[in-house]
């Protein structure tokens, strides 16, 4: 029986693994910690593919060079290679994108692609991530069943820089739609939410809703040095 691995760290992807795995052919293994992803373990499993629906660490070249490793990047590459793709897309005014299944190589998001699927960028970052999950599993199923030959990227290359926590500060100028986009694109589990500072306090914003002439949002106030 053919072996496959899914390596992911986000709870919505782990949940989706357990919900979908029985419908996929082959024998499947789940990795949820970077310390588990070792060349020795991968060689022992000897997978046909390793899929990375959401992974935050560099995969060792001993693995990517020996096995077919597939990541899922939220841009129409080569546009938008690099970090924080969802946030960078929304900040640039995009309402939709392509979710791309990429062969992992030594340069970030530079590998050949297996396929691309449409993905809406409406609503919060959390909702976008969760909306992408069934698309990811549709792609995984298609790759496993058809073993497509990946195609080399073509076109102008645009590199996105990974955002830093201080960039979550709300902009002081612009329009209400800019504020709404800023809040929603940072509204996801594990991401530094949009904030402003007032003296020794930090005021964070989530659950934004845009109305005619105003925005409603949930507010959380904490000391700046609080975790």
Foldseek 3Di string as FASTA:
>chain_A
DAEEEEEEADPLLVVVCVVCVVVADDHYDYHHDPVVQDLVVCVVRVHQEYEYAHDDDDRDCSDLVVHFYKYKDFAPPLEEFEALSLLVCVLVPDQKHWTWIFGDDPDTPQGFTQDIDIFGSDFALAVRSSVCNVVVVVVVRCCVVPVGDGHGDDDDGHYDYHDDLVVLEQDPDDDPVSRQSSQRHQAHPPGNGRWHDDVQKIKGWHPWDDDVPDIDTDIDIDGPPDD
